[in-house]
Amino acid sequence: MQQPATSAKTAERFQDVGEQMAGLGVSIGKMFGMPCLKAKGKSFAGLWGDAMVFKLSGDALASALTLNGAALFDPMGGRTMKEWVVVPAAHARRWRELAGASLASVAG
C-alpha cells in the first residue's frame, strides 16, 4: 500500500486531532505504515495523504459519506474497506467530530 503524499498542514491537523483526544486514552501510532489514532490498541482513524480515514458504522458512516469528496477507503484499489471512510482535508473542521464517532464505534 503506497501512502499518498501528505501536506504539512494536513499532518498538523491530524496531530491536533490526536492531541485533542489524548485525554480519552488516544495515542498516535501506525497501522500498515499509515499514521493512525489508537485506543486500547485498536486503530480507529488514520492519515491518508491529504485526508483522514475513519472507521464508522450506521448513521455516522452514512453521514460521513454525504460530505463532498468523501468515499469508502480503498487503499489498494479494488478492495474497498466497507466500514472505513476517507474524508478530505476540505472537511478538516469535522475531523475531530468524526474521530469521536469513530472512537465510540470501536469502543463498543
C-alpha atoms as a PDB file:
ATOM      1  CA  MET A   1       0.000   0.000   0.000  1.00  0.00           C
ATOM      2  CA  GLN A   2       1.559   3.266  -1.129  1.00  0.00           C
ATOM      3  CA  GLN A   3       0.761   6.164   1.189  1.00  0.00           C
ATOM      4  CA  PRO A   4      -0.056   9.317  -0.844  1.00  0.00           C
ATOM      5  CA  ALA A   5       1.906  12.484  -0.086  1.00  0.00           C
ATOM      6  CA  THR A   6       0.640  14.500   2.866  1.00  0.00           C
ATOM      7  CA  SER A   7       0.963  18.274   3.117  1.00  0.00           C
ATOM      8  CA  ALA A   8       2.460  19.785   6.255  1.00  0.00           C
ATOM      9  CA  LYS A   9      -0.862  21.496   7.029  1.00  0.00           C
ATOM     10  CA  THR A  10      -2.793  18.201   6.851  1.00  0.00           C
ATOM     11  CA  ALA A  11      -0.198  16.442   9.020  1.00  0.00           C
ATOM     12  CA  GLU A  12      -0.526  19.244  11.579  1.00  0.00           C
ATOM     13  CA  ARG A  13      -4.328  18.948  11.586  1.00  0.00           C
ATOM     14  CA  PHE A  14      -4.060  15.170  12.140  1.00  0.00           C
ATOM     15  CA  GLN A  15      -1.626  15.746  15.004  1.00  0.00           C
ATOM     16  CA  ASP A  16      -4.008  18.315  16.520  1.00  0.00           C
ATOM     17  CA  VAL A  17      -6.892  15.804  16.481  1.00  0.00           C
ATOM     18  CA  GLY A  18      -4.678  13.233  18.206  1.00  0.00           C
ATOM     19  CA  GLU A  19      -3.591  15.726  20.863  1.00  0.00           C
ATOM     20  CA  GLN A  20      -7.181  16.872  21.473  1.00  0.00           C
ATOM     21  CA  MET A  21      -8.162  13.253  22.111  1.00  0.00           C
ATOM     22  CA  ALA A  22      -5.191  12.293  24.292  1.00  0.00           C
ATOM     23  CA  GLY A  23      -7.291  12.723  27.441  1.00  0.00           C
ATOM     24  CA  LEU A  24      -9.586   9.969  26.141  1.00  0.00           C
ATOM     25  CA  GLY A  25      -6.751   7.432  26.110  1.00  0.00           C
ATOM     26  CA  VAL A  26      -5.947   8.038  22.442  1.00  0.00           C
ATOM     27  CA  SER A  27      -2.403   7.759  21.138  1.00  0.00           C
ATOM     28  CA  ILE A  28      -0.816   8.260  17.740  1.00  0.00           C
ATOM     29  CA  GLY A  29       0.698   5.158  16.201  1.00  0.00           C
ATOM     30  CA  LYS A  30       0.963   3.308  12.904  1.00  0.00           C
ATOM     31  CA  MET A  31      -1.261   0.818  11.104  1.00  0.00           C
ATOM     32  CA  PHE A  32       0.226  -0.780   7.978  1.00  0.00           C
ATOM     33  CA  GLY A  33       2.663   2.147   7.789  1.00  0.00           C
ATOM     34  CA  MET A  34      -0.139   4.724   7.966  1.00  0.00           C
ATOM     35  CA  PRO A  35      -0.141   7.206  10.861  1.00  0.00           C
ATOM     36  CA  CYS A  36      -3.227   6.405  12.917  1.00  0.00           C
ATOM     37  CA  LEU A  37      -5.115   7.127  16.100  1.00  0.00           C
ATOM     38  CA  LYS A  38      -5.442   4.219  18.511  1.00  0.00           C
ATOM     39  CA  ALA A  39      -7.280   3.485  21.726  1.00  0.00           C
ATOM     40  CA  LYS A  40      -6.530   0.345  23.728  1.00  0.00           C
ATOM     41  CA  GLY A  41      -4.507  -0.987  20.800  1.00  0.00           C
ATOM     42  CA  LYS A  42      -7.335  -0.566  18.273  1.00  0.00           C
ATOM     43  CA  SER A  43      -6.933   1.763  15.313  1.00  0.00           C
ATOM     44  CA  PHE A  44      -9.969   3.910  14.614  1.00  0.00           C
ATOM     45  CA  ALA A  45      -8.714   6.731  12.376  1.00  0.00           C
ATOM     46  CA  GLY A  46      -5.732   7.420  10.168  1.00  0.00           C
ATOM     47  CA  LEU A  47      -3.945   9.887   7.957  1.00  0.00           C
ATOM     48  CA  TRP A  48      -4.051   9.112   4.238  1.00  0.00           C
ATOM     49  CA  GLY A  49      -2.499  11.742   2.002  1.00  0.00           C
ATOM     50  CA  ASP A  50      -4.433  14.966   2.434  1.00  0.00           C
ATOM     51  CA  ALA A  51      -7.358  13.187   4.085  1.00  0.00           C
ATOM     52  CA  MET A  52      -8.230  11.302   7.222  1.00  0.00           C
ATOM     53  CA  VAL A  53      -9.895   7.903   7.279  1.00  0.00           C
ATOM     54  CA  PHE A  54     -12.359   6.905   9.984  1.00  0.00           C
ATOM     55  CA  LYS A  55     -13.840   3.566  10.993  1.00  0.00           C
ATOM     56  CA  LEU A  56     -17.567   4.253  11.241  1.00  0.00           C
ATOM     57  CA  SER A  57     -20.843   2.385  11.102  1.00  0.00           C
ATOM     58  CA  GLY A  58     -24.569   3.072  10.825  1.00  0.00           C
ATOM     59  CA  ASP A  59     -25.733   6.666  10.699  1.00  0.00           C
ATOM     60  CA  ALA A  60     -22.236   8.068  11.325  1.00  0.00           C
ATOM     61  CA  LEU A  61     -20.903   6.249   8.253  1.00  0.00           C
ATOM     62  CA  ALA A  62     -23.860   7.311   6.115  1.00  0.00           C
ATOM     63  CA  SER A  63     -23.492  10.930   7.236  1.00  0.00           C
ATOM     64  CA  ALA A  64     -19.740  10.996   6.542  1.00  0.00           C
ATOM     65  CA  LEU A  65     -20.303   9.653   3.043  1.00  0.00           C
ATOM     66  CA  THR A  66     -22.534  12.651   2.246  1.00  0.00           C
ATOM     67  CA  LEU A  67     -19.558  15.021   2.593  1.00  0.00           C
ATOM     68  CA  ASN A  68     -18.266  16.274  -0.751  1.00  0.00           C
ATOM     69  CA  GLY A  69     -15.293  14.132  -1.804  1.00  0.00           C
ATOM     70  CA  ALA A  70     -15.754  11.519   0.929  1.00  0.00           C
ATOM     71  CA  ALA A  71     -15.679   7.875  -0.151  1.00  0.00           C
ATOM     72  CA  LEU A  72     -15.195   4.391   1.181  1.00  0.00           C
ATOM     73  CA  PHE A  73     -11.495   3.710   1.788  1.00  0.00           C
ATOM     74  CA  ASP A  74      -9.837   1.683  -0.949  1.00  0.00           C
ATOM     75  CA  PRO A  75      -6.085   1.812  -0.243  1.00  0.00           C
ATOM     76  CA  MET A  76      -5.097  -0.958  -2.669  1.00  0.00           C
ATOM     77  CA  GLY A  77      -7.563  -0.330  -5.483  1.00  0.00           C
ATOM     78  CA  GLY A  78     -10.373  -2.813  -5.951  1.00  0.00           C
ATOM     79  CA  ARG A  79     -10.795  -3.862  -2.339  1.00  0.00           C
ATOM     80  CA  THR A  80     -12.968  -1.302  -0.550  1.00  0.00           C
ATOM     81  CA  MET A  81     -12.966  -1.347   3.248  1.00  0.00           C
ATOM     82  CA  LYS A  82     -16.703  -1.105   3.945  1.00  0.00           C
ATOM     83  CA  GLU A  83     -16.523   0.485   7.420  1.00  0.00           C
ATOM     84  CA  TRP A  84     -13.735   2.965   6.647  1.00  0.00           C
ATOM     85  CA  VAL A  85     -14.444   6.311   5.000  1.00  0.00           C
ATOM     86  CA  VAL A  86     -11.924   8.799   3.578  1.00  0.00           C
ATOM     87  CA  VAL A  87     -12.735  12.424   4.404  1.00  0.00           C
ATOM     88  CA  PRO A  88     -10.662  15.035   2.533  1.00  0.00           C
ATOM     89  CA  ALA A  89      -8.926  17.997   4.175  1.00  0.00           C
ATOM     90  CA  ALA A  90     -11.669  20.287   2.835  1.00  0.00           C
ATOM     91  CA  HIS A  91     -13.691  18.951   5.801  1.00  0.00           C
ATOM     92  CA  ALA A  92     -10.895  19.157   8.389  1.00  0.00           C
ATOM     93  CA  ARG A  93     -13.200  21.099  10.725  1.00  0.00           C
ATOM     94  CA  ARG A  94     -15.272  17.888  11.009  1.00  0.00           C
ATOM     95  CA  TRP A  95     -12.320  15.569  11.684  1.00  0.00           C
ATOM     96  CA  ARG A  96     -12.442  15.831  15.480  1.00  0.00           C
ATOM     97  CA  GLU A  97     -16.183  15.090  15.495  1.00  0.00           C
ATOM     98  CA  LEU A  98     -15.706  12.136  13.136  1.00  0.00           C
ATOM     99  CA  ALA A  99     -12.798  10.837  15.197  1.00  0.00           C
ATOM    100  CA  GLY A 100     -15.050  10.916  18.272  1.00  0.00           C
ATOM    101  CA  ALA A 101     -17.733   8.906  16.472  1.00  0.00           C
ATOM    102  CA  SER A 102     -15.071   6.502  15.220  1.00  0.00           C
ATOM    103  CA  LEU A 103     -13.644   6.041  18.723  1.00  0.00           C
ATOM    104  CA  ALA A 104     -17.144   5.307  20.022  1.00  0.00           C
ATOM    105  CA  SER A 105     -17.686   2.703  17.310  1.00  0.00           C
ATOM    106  CA  VAL A 106     -14.548   0.737  18.200  1.00  0.00           C
ATOM    107  CA  ALA A 107     -15.109   1.142  21.936  1.00  0.00           C
ATOM    108  CA  GLY A 108     -18.301  -0.776  21.531  1.00  0.00           C
END
